[in-house]
Every structure is written in structure tokens, then in C-alpha cells.
Amino acid sequence: MEKDNLIIGCAALYPIPDSRAGELACVAVLKEYQKDGRAKLLLSHIEEKGTELGMNEIYTLTTRTAHWFIEQGFTESTVEQMPSNRKALYNYQRNSKVFIKSL
């Protein structure tokens, strides 16, 4: 996301191989732009891309912003419920919470 040639926000969507799921990662908005709904716009864009790619759900992992993802329609999940290709990469030392949203 740009404003006046400055990157003010970003998000990434990584397809999870051998599944119809993706992982939402790296949602970030510059502090001075965080109160204007830009993160929600980024999420909407990611959801559209996921649907275009044939995904039926997206996962995200967080250690700090669980409340925001719940407000956006995600539900708390578990590592065990993630597709096996992604579950194998989970970092137990970070102790991230896992969230899922149907598309």
C-alpha cells in the first residue's frame, strides 16, 4: 500500500502446498496510518487474491495481535488443524497463536 510514493502498509499471502489454504503473513501499517482502516483494506485484498487462487481458508499466526484478527472474522485454531506442509514448519519456541478464516 502506497501514499505519495511511500510504502505505508504491506501484507503477504503464501499458498500452502497440497491444500486449498494459504497463510496471511507480514501485515504491517506505518504507525501514523494505523487508525484509518488500512490493515482491513489489506486483508480484504488478500482475501480476494486467496479466492482467485482457489483457496477456501487462510491461516495466520500471531504473538501480539490476536484481538485484531478475531475482530476481522478469524477464529482461534490449533497447530494440529493446519495443513501438514505448514504444520511441519511451525516454530514452537515462538508460541504463536493460530487463527483461521474461511473464504
PDB file of N, CA and C in Angstrom:
ATOM      1  N   MET A   1       0.855  -1.154   0.000  1.00  0.00           N
ATOM      2  CA  MET A   1       0.000   0.000   0.000  1.00  0.00           C
ATOM      3  C   MET A   1       0.909   1.228   0.000  1.00  0.00           C
ATOM      4  N   GLU A   2       0.610   2.175  -0.891  1.00  0.00           N
ATOM      5  CA  GLU A   2       1.428   3.376  -1.017  1.00  0.00           C
ATOM      6  C   GLU A   2       0.601   4.639  -0.829  1.00  0.00           C
ATOM      7  N   LYS A   3       1.273   5.670  -0.387  1.00  0.00           N
ATOM      8  CA  LYS A   3       0.701   7.010  -0.342  1.00  0.00           C
ATOM      9  C   LYS A   3       1.835   7.983  -0.639  1.00  0.00           C
ATOM     10  N   ASP A   4       1.653   8.794  -1.657  1.00  0.00           N
ATOM     11  CA  ASP A   4       2.666   9.770  -2.063  1.00  0.00           C
ATOM     12  C   ASP A   4       4.029   9.111  -2.256  1.00  0.00           C
ATOM     13  N   ASN A   5       4.042   7.985  -2.960  1.00  0.00           N
ATOM     14  CA  ASN A   5       5.262   7.224  -3.272  1.00  0.00           C
ATOM     15  C   ASN A   5       5.979   6.669  -2.037  1.00  0.00           C
ATOM     16  N   LEU A   6       5.274   6.540  -0.927  1.00  0.00           N
ATOM     17  CA  LEU A   6       5.820   5.970   0.294  1.00  0.00           C
ATOM     18  C   LEU A   6       5.042   4.702   0.619  1.00  0.00           C
ATOM     19  N   ILE A   7       5.748   3.622   0.860  1.00  0.00           N
ATOM     20  CA  ILE A   7       5.069   2.396   1.270  1.00  0.00           C
ATOM     21  C   ILE A   7       4.614   2.571   2.710  1.00  0.00           C
ATOM     22  N   ILE A   8       3.294   2.492   2.906  1.00  0.00           N
ATOM     23  CA  ILE A   8       2.740   2.692   4.247  1.00  0.00           C
ATOM     24  C   ILE A   8       2.140   1.412   4.835  1.00  0.00           C
ATOM     25  N   GLY A   9       2.007   0.379   4.018  1.00  0.00           N
ATOM     26  CA  GLY A   9       1.462  -0.875   4.511  1.00  0.00           C
ATOM     27  C   GLY A   9       1.773  -2.022   3.584  1.00  0.00           C
ATOM     28  N   CYS A  10       1.778  -3.219   4.129  1.00  0.00           N
ATOM     29  CA  CYS A  10       2.022  -4.402   3.308  1.00  0.00           C
ATOM     30  C   CYS A  10       1.382  -5.626   3.961  1.00  0.00           C
ATOM     31  N   ALA A  11       1.209  -6.649   3.163  1.00  0.00           N
ATOM     32  CA  ALA A  11       0.725  -7.944   3.632  1.00  0.00           C
ATOM     33  C   ALA A  11       1.156  -8.980   2.605  1.00  0.00           C
ATOM     34  N   ALA A  12       1.262 -10.223   3.035  1.00  0.00           N
ATOM     35  CA  ALA A  12       1.669 -11.299   2.136  1.00  0.00           C
ATOM     36  C   ALA A  12       0.704 -12.472   2.271  1.00  0.00           C
ATOM     37  N   LEU A  13       0.539 -13.186   1.176  1.00  0.00           N
ATOM     38  CA  LEU A  13      -0.273 -14.399   1.158  1.00  0.00           C
ATOM     39  C   LEU A  13       0.573 -15.504   0.547  1.00  0.00           C
ATOM     40  N   TYR A  14       0.814 -16.541   1.333  1.00  0.00           N
ATOM     41  CA  TYR A  14       1.607 -17.672   0.874  1.00  0.00           C
ATOM     42  C   TYR A  14       0.712 -18.891   0.721  1.00  0.00           C
ATOM     43  N   PRO A  15       0.579 -19.424  -0.506  1.00  0.00           N
ATOM     44  CA  PRO A  15      -0.181 -20.663  -0.676  1.00  0.00           C
ATOM     45  C   PRO A  15       0.489 -21.795   0.101  1.00  0.00           C
ATOM     46  N   ILE A  16      -0.302 -22.638   0.706  1.00  0.00           N
ATOM     47  CA  ILE A  16       0.211 -23.806   1.415  1.00  0.00           C
ATOM     48  C   ILE A  16       0.107 -24.984   0.454  1.00  0.00           C
ATOM     49  N   PRO A  17       1.268 -25.551   0.046  1.00  0.00           N
ATOM     50  CA  PRO A  17       1.250 -26.631  -0.946  1.00  0.00           C
ATOM     51  C   PRO A  17       0.352 -27.793  -0.546  1.00  0.00           C
ATOM     52  N   ASP A  18      -0.219 -28.423  -1.564  1.00  0.00           N
ATOM     53  CA  ASP A  18      -1.068 -29.606  -1.396  1.00  0.00           C
ATOM     54  C   ASP A  18      -2.275 -29.348  -0.505  1.00  0.00           C
ATOM     55  N   SER A  19      -2.800 -28.120  -0.561  1.00  0.00           N
ATOM     56  CA  SER A  19      -4.003 -27.788   0.197  1.00  0.00           C
ATOM     57  C   SER A  19      -4.738 -26.681  -0.539  1.00  0.00           C
ATOM     58  N   ARG A  20      -5.922 -26.374  -0.071  1.00  0.00           N
ATOM     59  CA  ARG A  20      -6.674 -25.235  -0.606  1.00  0.00           C
ATOM     60  C   ARG A  20      -6.650 -24.107   0.411  1.00  0.00           C
ATOM     61  N   ALA A  21      -5.480 -23.923   1.034  1.00  0.00           N
ATOM     62  CA  ALA A  21      -5.321 -22.929   2.089  1.00  0.00           C
ATOM     63  C   ALA A  21      -4.113 -22.052   1.799  1.00  0.00           C
ATOM     64  N   GLY A  22      -4.099 -20.916   2.475  1.00  0.00           N
ATOM     65  CA  GLY A  22      -2.967 -20.015   2.385  1.00  0.00           C
ATOM     66  C   GLY A  22      -2.649 -19.461   3.756  1.00  0.00           C
ATOM     67  N   GLU A  23      -1.481 -18.829   3.843  1.00  0.00           N
ATOM     68  CA  GLU A  23      -1.092 -18.196   5.094  1.00  0.00           C
ATOM     69  C   GLU A  23      -0.950 -16.695   4.882  1.00  0.00           C
ATOM     70  N   LEU A  24      -1.663 -15.938   5.682  1.00  0.00           N
ATOM     71  CA  LEU A  24      -1.548 -14.487   5.715  1.00  0.00           C
ATOM     72  C   LEU A  24      -0.364 -14.155   6.610  1.00  0.00           C
ATOM     73  N   ALA A  25       0.550 -13.349   6.099  1.00  0.00           N
ATOM     74  CA  ALA A  25       1.746 -13.015   6.867  1.00  0.00           C
ATOM     75  C   ALA A  25       2.107 -11.557   6.654  1.00  0.00           C
ATOM     76  N   CYS A  26       2.900 -11.059   7.538  1.00  0.00           N
ATOM     77  CA  CYS A  26       3.526  -9.736   7.388  1.00  0.00           C
ATOM     78  C   CYS A  26       2.542  -8.586   7.232  1.00  0.00           C
ATOM     79  N   VAL A  27       1.427  -8.611   7.936  1.00  0.00           N
ATOM     80  CA  VAL A  27       0.502  -7.478   7.885  1.00  0.00           C
ATOM     81  C   VAL A  27       1.115  -6.353   8.714  1.00  0.00           C
ATOM     82  N   ALA A  28       1.407  -5.249   8.048  1.00  0.00           N
ATOM     83  CA  ALA A  28       2.045  -4.125   8.735  1.00  0.00           C
ATOM     84  C   ALA A  28       1.604  -2.815   8.107  1.00  0.00           C
ATOM     85  N   VAL A  29       1.333  -1.837   8.959  1.00  0.00           N
ATOM     86  CA  VAL A  29       0.966  -0.490   8.521  1.00  0.00           C
ATOM     87  C   VAL A  29       1.768   0.491   9.371  1.00  0.00           C
ATOM     88  N   LEU A  30       2.351   1.493   8.716  1.00  0.00           N
ATOM     89  CA  LEU A  30       3.090   2.510   9.462  1.00  0.00           C
ATOM     90  C   LEU A  30       2.219   3.088  10.569  1.00  0.00           C
ATOM     91  N   LYS A  31       2.821   3.331  11.703  1.00  0.00           N
ATOM     92  CA  LYS A  31       2.090   3.767  12.895  1.00  0.00           C
ATOM     93  C   LYS A  31       1.169   4.951  12.630  1.00  0.00           C
ATOM     94  N   GLU A  32       1.645   5.951  11.905  1.00  0.00           N
ATOM     95  CA  GLU A  32       0.832   7.152  11.673  1.00  0.00           C
ATOM     96  C   GLU A  32      -0.364   6.917  10.750  1.00  0.00           C
ATOM     97  N   TYR A  33      -0.488   5.711  10.160  1.00  0.00           N
ATOM     98  CA  TYR A  33      -1.614   5.384   9.282  1.00  0.00           C
ATOM     99  C   TYR A  33      -2.465   4.237   9.839  1.00  0.00           C
ATOM    100  N   GLN A  34      -2.254   3.833  11.066  1.00  0.00           N
ATOM    101  CA  GLN A  34      -2.925   2.661  11.606  1.00  0.00           C
ATOM    102  C   GLN A  34      -4.379   2.882  12.010  1.00  0.00           C
ATOM    103  N   LYS A  35      -4.839   4.061  12.149  1.00  0.00           N
ATOM    104  CA  LYS A  35      -6.214   4.299  12.611  1.00  0.00           C
ATOM    105  C   LYS A  35      -7.211   4.528  11.479  1.00  0.00           C
ATOM    106  N   ASP A  36      -6.779   4.351  10.239  1.00  0.00           N
ATOM    107  CA  ASP A  36      -7.641   4.663   9.097  1.00  0.00           C
ATOM    108  C   ASP A  36      -8.207   3.442   8.373  1.00  0.00           C
ATOM    109  N   GLY A  37      -8.127   2.257   8.972  1.00  0.00           N
ATOM    110  CA  GLY A  37      -8.697   1.063   8.355  1.00  0.00           C
ATOM    111  C   GLY A  37      -7.856   0.467   7.239  1.00  0.00           C
ATOM    112  N   ARG A  38      -6.610   0.869   7.137  1.00  0.00           N
ATOM    113  CA  ARG A  38      -5.770   0.371   6.049  1.00  0.00           C
ATOM    114  C   ARG A  38      -5.438  -1.117   6.190  1.00  0.00           C
ATOM    115  N   ALA A  39      -5.226  -1.579   7.402  1.00  0.00           N
ATOM    116  CA  ALA A  39      -4.946  -3.009   7.588  1.00  0.00           C
ATOM    117  C   ALA A  39      -6.148  -3.843   7.136  1.00  0.00           C
ATOM    118  N   LYS A  40      -7.328  -3.355   7.405  1.00  0.00           N
ATOM    119  CA  LYS A  40      -8.542  -4.056   6.972  1.00  0.00           C
ATOM    120  C   LYS A  40      -8.632  -4.091   5.444  1.00  0.00           C
ATOM    121  N   LEU A  41      -8.226  -3.008   4.787  1.00  0.00           N
ATOM    122  CA  LEU A  41      -8.193  -2.989   3.321  1.00  0.00           C
ATOM    123  C   LEU A  41      -7.180  -3.995   2.778  1.00  0.00           C
ATOM    124  N   LEU A  42      -6.021  -4.069   3.418  1.00  0.00           N
ATOM    125  CA  LEU A  42      -5.024  -5.055   3.004  1.00  0.00           C
ATOM    126  C   LEU A  42      -5.582  -6.468   3.155  1.00  0.00           C
ATOM    127  N   LEU A  43      -6.239  -6.738   4.265  1.00  0.00           N
ATOM    128  CA  LEU A  43      -6.832  -8.053   4.485  1.00  0.00           C
ATOM    129  C   LEU A  43      -7.875  -8.369   3.420  1.00  0.00           C
ATOM    130  N   SER A  44      -8.716  -7.414   3.080  1.00  0.00           N
ATOM    131  CA  SER A  44      -9.725  -7.631   2.034  1.00  0.00           C
ATOM    132  C   SER A  44      -9.065  -7.996   0.707  1.00  0.00           C
ATOM    133  N   HIS A  45      -7.987  -7.314   0.383  1.00  0.00           N
ATOM    134  CA  HIS A  45      -7.250  -7.602  -0.853  1.00  0.00           C
ATOM    135  C   HIS A  45      -6.675  -9.021  -0.816  1.00  0.00           C
ATOM    136  N   ILE A  46      -6.106  -9.408   0.319  1.00  0.00           N
ATOM    137  CA  ILE A  46      -5.552 -10.756   0.475  1.00  0.00           C
ATOM    138  C   ILE A  46      -6.654 -11.804   0.332  1.00  0.00           C
ATOM    139  N   GLU A  47      -7.809 -11.549   0.918  1.00  0.00           N
ATOM    140  CA  GLU A  47      -8.924 -12.499   0.818  1.00  0.00           C
ATOM    141  C   GLU A  47      -9.380 -12.657  -0.625  1.00  0.00           C
ATOM    142  N   GLU A  48      -9.447 -11.555  -1.366  1.00  0.00           N
ATOM    143  CA  GLU A  48      -9.815 -11.624  -2.789  1.00  0.00           C
ATOM    144  C   GLU A  48      -8.803 -12.447  -3.568  1.00  0.00           C
ATOM    145  N   LYS A  49      -7.523 -12.211  -3.327  1.00  0.00           N
ATOM    146  CA  LYS A  49      -6.472 -12.977  -4.014  1.00  0.00           C
ATOM    147  C   LYS A  49      -6.559 -14.453  -3.661  1.00  0.00           C
ATOM    148  N   GLY A  50      -6.800 -14.745  -2.393  1.00  0.00           N
ATOM    149  CA  GLY A  50      -6.940 -16.129  -1.974  1.00  0.00           C
ATOM    150  C   GLY A  50      -8.073 -16.830  -2.701  1.00  0.00           C
ATOM    151  N   THR A  51      -9.201 -16.151  -2.815  1.00  0.00           N
ATOM    152  CA  THR A  51     -10.345 -16.712  -3.535  1.00  0.00           C
ATOM    153  C   THR A  51      -9.992 -16.929  -5.007  1.00  0.00           C
ATOM    154  N   GLU A  52      -9.335 -15.957  -5.619  1.00  0.00           N
ATOM    155  CA  GLU A  52      -8.907 -16.096  -7.023  1.00  0.00           C
ATOM    156  C   GLU A  52      -7.985 -17.294  -7.220  1.00  0.00           C
ATOM    157  N   LEU A  53      -7.169 -17.597  -6.213  1.00  0.00           N
ATOM    158  CA  LEU A  53      -6.232 -18.717  -6.284  1.00  0.00           C
ATOM    159  C   LEU A  53      -6.865 -20.053  -5.898  1.00  0.00           C
ATOM    160  N   GLY A  54      -8.161 -20.042  -5.591  1.00  0.00           N
ATOM    161  CA  GLY A  54      -8.867 -21.276  -5.260  1.00  0.00           C
ATOM    162  C   GLY A  54      -8.740 -21.704  -3.811  1.00  0.00           C
ATOM    163  N   MET A  55      -8.304 -20.791  -2.962  1.00  0.00           N
ATOM    164  CA  MET A  55      -8.196 -21.117  -1.542  1.00  0.00           C
ATOM    165  C   MET A  55      -9.574 -21.041  -0.901  1.00  0.00           C
ATOM    166  N   ASN A  56      -9.811 -21.899   0.094  1.00  0.00           N
ATOM    167  CA  ASN A  56     -11.084 -21.826   0.813  1.00  0.00           C
ATOM    168  C   ASN A  56     -10.895 -21.414   2.270  1.00  0.00           C
ATOM    169  N   GLU A  57      -9.618 -21.246   2.678  1.00  0.00           N
ATOM    170  CA  GLU A  57      -9.345 -20.761   4.028  1.00  0.00           C
ATOM    171  C   GLU A  57      -7.948 -20.158   4.087  1.00  0.00           C
ATOM    172  N   ILE A  58      -7.791 -19.243   5.034  1.00  0.00           N
ATOM    173  CA  ILE A  58      -6.465 -18.682   5.273  1.00  0.00           C
ATOM    174  C   ILE A  58      -6.149 -18.791   6.761  1.00  0.00           C
ATOM    175  N   TYR A  59      -4.903 -19.060   7.011  1.00  0.00           N
ATOM    176  CA  TYR A  59      -4.384 -19.150   8.376  1.00  0.00           C
ATOM    177  C   TYR A  59      -3.496 -17.934   8.631  1.00  0.00           C
ATOM    178  N   THR A  60      -3.365 -17.579   9.878  1.00  0.00           N
ATOM    179  CA  THR A  60      -2.381 -16.586  10.276  1.00  0.00           C
ATOM    180  C   THR A  60      -1.880 -16.954  11.663  1.00  0.00           C
ATOM    181  N   LEU A  61      -0.651 -16.580  11.928  1.00  0.00           N
ATOM    182  CA  LEU A  61      -0.041 -16.830  13.229  1.00  0.00           C
ATOM    183  C   LEU A  61       0.345 -15.489  13.826  1.00  0.00           C
ATOM    184  N   THR A  62       0.108 -15.327  15.113  1.00  0.00           N
ATOM    185  CA  THR A  62       0.453 -14.064  15.761  1.00  0.00           C
ATOM    186  C   THR A  62       0.826 -14.293  17.212  1.00  0.00           C
ATOM    187  N   THR A  63       1.695 -13.429  17.693  1.00  0.00           N
ATOM    188  CA  THR A  63       2.043 -13.459  19.112  1.00  0.00           C
ATOM    189  C   THR A  63       1.522 -12.220  19.823  1.00  0.00           C
ATOM    190  N   ARG A  64       0.990 -11.245  19.061  1.00  0.00           N
ATOM    191  CA  ARG A  64       0.634  -9.971  19.683  1.00  0.00           C
ATOM    192  C   ARG A  64      -0.744  -9.419  19.324  1.00  0.00           C
ATOM    193  N   THR A  65      -1.291  -9.737  18.179  1.00  0.00           N
ATOM    194  CA  THR A  65      -2.487  -9.031  17.713  1.00  0.00           C
ATOM    195  C   THR A  65      -3.704  -9.949  17.542  1.00  0.00           C
ATOM    196  N   ALA A  66      -3.852 -10.907  18.421  1.00  0.00           N
ATOM    197  CA  ALA A  66      -4.963 -11.855  18.326  1.00  0.00           C
ATOM    198  C   ALA A  66      -6.304 -11.138  18.264  1.00  0.00           C
ATOM    199  N   HIS A  67      -6.483 -10.104  19.071  1.00  0.00           N
ATOM    200  CA  HIS A  67      -7.760  -9.388  19.125  1.00  0.00           C
ATOM    201  C   HIS A  67      -8.144  -8.816  17.762  1.00  0.00           C
ATOM    202  N   TRP A  68      -7.176  -8.307  17.014  1.00  0.00           N
ATOM    203  CA  TRP A  68      -7.479  -7.708  15.701  1.00  0.00           C
ATOM    204  C   TRP A  68      -7.963  -8.776  14.732  1.00  0.00           C
ATOM    205  N   PHE A  69      -7.299  -9.930  14.713  1.00  0.00           N
ATOM    206  CA  PHE A  69      -7.713 -10.987  13.807  1.00  0.00           C
ATOM    207  C   PHE A  69      -9.107 -11.510  14.170  1.00  0.00           C
ATOM    208  N   ILE A  70      -9.414 -11.619  15.445  1.00  0.00           N
ATOM    209  CA  ILE A  70     -10.751 -12.041  15.861  1.00  0.00           C
ATOM    210  C   ILE A  70     -11.794 -11.020  15.387  1.00  0.00           C
ATOM    211  N   GLU A  71     -11.482  -9.738  15.506  1.00  0.00           N
ATOM    212  CA  GLU A  71     -12.392  -8.683  15.031  1.00  0.00           C
ATOM    213  C   GLU A  71     -12.626  -8.773  13.523  1.00  0.00           C
ATOM    214  N   GLN A  72     -11.689  -9.356  12.795  1.00  0.00           N
ATOM    215  CA  GLN A  72     -11.795  -9.469  11.340  1.00  0.00           C
ATOM    216  C   GLN A  72     -12.417 -10.793  10.897  1.00  0.00           C
ATOM    217  N   GLY A  73     -12.929 -11.568  11.838  1.00  0.00           N
ATOM    218  CA  GLY A  73     -13.637 -12.795  11.493  1.00  0.00           C
ATOM    219  C   GLY A  73     -12.819 -14.069  11.570  1.00  0.00           C
ATOM    220  N   PHE A  74     -11.592 -13.998  12.052  1.00  0.00           N
ATOM    221  CA  PHE A  74     -10.794 -15.202  12.253  1.00  0.00           C
ATOM    222  C   PHE A  74     -11.242 -15.876  13.546  1.00  0.00           C
ATOM    223  N   THR A  75     -11.047 -17.169  13.606  1.00  0.00           N
ATOM    224  CA  THR A  75     -11.297 -17.903  14.840  1.00  0.00           C
ATOM    225  C   THR A  75     -10.011 -18.602  15.257  1.00  0.00           C
ATOM    226  N   GLU A  76      -9.852 -18.753  16.570  1.00  0.00           N
ATOM    227  CA  GLU A  76      -8.648 -19.410  17.057  1.00  0.00           C
ATOM    228  C   GLU A  76      -8.677 -20.879  16.659  1.00  0.00           C
ATOM    229  N   SER A  77      -7.527 -21.366  16.257  1.00  0.00           N
ATOM    230  CA  SER A  77      -7.374 -22.737  15.807  1.00  0.00           C
ATOM    231  C   SER A  77      -6.200 -23.353  16.557  1.00  0.00           C
ATOM    232  N   THR A  78      -5.706 -24.457  16.072  1.00  0.00           N
ATOM    233  CA  THR A  78      -4.556 -25.111  16.692  1.00  0.00           C
ATOM    234  C   THR A  78      -3.544 -25.476  15.609  1.00  0.00           C
ATOM    235  N   VAL A  79      -2.334 -25.711  16.031  1.00  0.00           N
ATOM    236  CA  VAL A  79      -1.288 -26.144  15.103  1.00  0.00           C
ATOM    237  C   VAL A  79      -1.716 -27.444  14.427  1.00  0.00           C
ATOM    238  N   GLU A  80      -2.333 -28.335  15.178  1.00  0.00           N
ATOM    239  CA  GLU A  80      -2.733 -29.640  14.647  1.00  0.00           C
ATOM    240  C   GLU A  80      -3.739 -29.524  13.504  1.00  0.00           C
ATOM    241  N   GLN A  81      -4.511 -28.452  13.474  1.00  0.00           N
ATOM    242  CA  GLN A  81      -5.522 -28.292  12.431  1.00  0.00           C
ATOM    243  C   GLN A  81      -4.959 -27.692  11.142  1.00  0.00           C
ATOM    244  N   MET A  82      -3.723 -27.227  11.171  1.00  0.00           N
ATOM    245  CA  MET A  82      -3.118 -26.651   9.977  1.00  0.00           C
ATOM    246  C   MET A  82      -2.762 -27.750   8.982  1.00  0.00           C
ATOM    247  N   PRO A  83      -2.724 -27.414   7.673  1.00  0.00           N
ATOM    248  CA  PRO A  83      -2.272 -28.406   6.692  1.00  0.00           C
ATOM    249  C   PRO A  83      -0.870 -28.924   7.061  1.00  0.00           C
ATOM    250  N   SER A  84      -0.629 -30.185   6.797  1.00  0.00           N
ATOM    251  CA  SER A  84       0.614 -30.821   7.244  1.00  0.00           C
ATOM    252  C   SER A  84       1.865 -30.119   6.733  1.00  0.00           C
ATOM    253  N   ASN A  85       1.832 -29.587   5.507  1.00  0.00           N
ATOM    254  CA  ASN A  85       3.002 -28.878   4.974  1.00  0.00           C
ATOM    255  C   ASN A  85       3.340 -27.637   5.787  1.00  0.00           C
ATOM    256  N   ARG A  86       2.355 -26.982   6.332  1.00  0.00           N
ATOM    257  CA  ARG A  86       2.610 -25.783   7.141  1.00  0.00           C
ATOM    258  C   ARG A  86       2.873 -26.157   8.592  1.00  0.00           C
ATOM    259  N   LYS A  87       2.167 -27.158   9.070  1.00  0.00           N
ATOM    260  CA  LYS A  87       2.338 -27.600  10.455  1.00  0.00           C
ATOM    261  C   LYS A  87       3.792 -28.013  10.709  1.00  0.00           C
ATOM    262  N   ALA A  88       4.425 -28.622   9.724  1.00  0.00           N
ATOM    263  CA  ALA A  88       5.809 -29.076   9.866  1.00  0.00           C
ATOM    264  C   ALA A  88       6.784 -27.917  10.068  1.00  0.00           C
ATOM    265  N   LEU A  89       6.394 -26.707   9.672  1.00  0.00           N
ATOM    266  CA  LEU A  89       7.268 -25.539   9.788  1.00  0.00           C
ATOM    267  C   LEU A  89       6.984 -24.682  11.024  1.00  0.00           C
ATOM    268  N   TYR A  90       6.004 -25.072  11.810  1.00  0.00           N
ATOM    269  CA  TYR A  90       5.623 -24.263  12.972  1.00  0.00           C
ATOM    270  C   TYR A  90       6.780 -24.184  13.967  1.00  0.00           C
ATOM    271  N   ASN A  91       7.060 -22.974  14.451  1.00  0.00           N
ATOM    272  CA  ASN A  91       8.136 -22.742  15.407  1.00  0.00           C
ATOM    273  C   ASN A  91       7.540 -22.722  16.826  1.00  0.00           C
ATOM    274  N   TYR A  92       7.707 -23.798  17.550  1.00  0.00           N
ATOM    275  CA  TYR A  92       7.138 -23.916  18.889  1.00  0.00           C
ATOM    276  C   TYR A  92       7.779 -22.946  19.880  1.00  0.00           C
ATOM    277  N   GLN A  93       8.986 -22.488  19.626  1.00  0.00           N
ATOM    278  CA  GLN A  93       9.643 -21.537  20.522  1.00  0.00           C
ATOM    279  C   GLN A  93       8.951 -20.174  20.512  1.00  0.00           C
ATOM    280  N   ARG A  94       8.374 -19.787  19.374  1.00  0.00           N
ATOM    281  CA  ARG A  94       7.659 -18.506  19.301  1.00  0.00           C
ATOM    282  C   ARG A  94       6.313 -18.572  20.001  1.00  0.00           C
ATOM    283  N   ASN A  95       5.732 -19.770  20.061  1.00  0.00           N
ATOM    284  CA  ASN A  95       4.446 -19.965  20.724  1.00  0.00           C
ATOM    285  C   ASN A  95       3.345 -19.085  20.127  1.00  0.00           C
ATOM    286  N   SER A  96       3.336 -18.961  18.809  1.00  0.00           N
ATOM    287  CA  SER A  96       2.320 -18.155  18.124  1.00  0.00           C
ATOM    288  C   SER A  96       0.950 -18.802  18.241  1.00  0.00           C
ATOM    289  N   LYS A  97      -0.062 -17.949  18.342  1.00  0.00           N
ATOM    290  CA  LYS A  97      -1.438 -18.433  18.271  1.00  0.00           C
ATOM    291  C   LYS A  97      -1.784 -18.603  16.797  1.00  0.00           C
ATOM    292  N   VAL A  98      -2.602 -19.592  16.521  1.00  0.00           N
ATOM    293  CA  VAL A  98      -3.018 -19.910  15.161  1.00  0.00           C
ATOM    294  C   VAL A  98      -4.467 -19.496  14.987  1.00  0.00           C
ATOM    295  N   PHE A  99      -4.745 -18.785  13.895  1.00  0.00           N
ATOM    296  CA  PHE A  99      -6.104 -18.356  13.576  1.00  0.00           C
ATOM    297  C   PHE A  99      -6.450 -18.780  12.168  1.00  0.00           C
ATOM    298  N   ILE A 100      -7.726 -19.011  11.917  1.00  0.00           N
ATOM    299  CA  ILE A 100      -8.196 -19.438  10.601  1.00  0.00           C
ATOM    300  C   ILE A 100      -9.429 -18.638  10.217  1.00  0.00           C
ATOM    301  N   LYS A 101      -9.569 -18.416   8.915  1.00  0.00           N
ATOM    302  CA  LYS A 101     -10.756 -17.739   8.389  1.00  0.00           C
ATOM    303  C   LYS A 101     -11.153 -18.420   7.090  1.00  0.00           C
ATOM    304  N   SER A 102     -12.426 -18.746   6.971  1.00  0.00           N
ATOM    305  CA  SER A 102     -12.943 -19.324   5.724  1.00  0.00           C
ATOM    306  C   SER A 102     -13.129 -18.219   4.704  1.00  0.00           C
ATOM    307  N   LEU A 103     -12.851 -18.562   3.460  1.00  0.00           N
ATOM    308  CA  LEU A 103     -13.054 -17.594   2.373  1.00  0.00           C
ATOM    309  C   LEU A 103     -14.322 -17.940   1.606  1.00  0.00           C
TER     310      LEU A 103
END
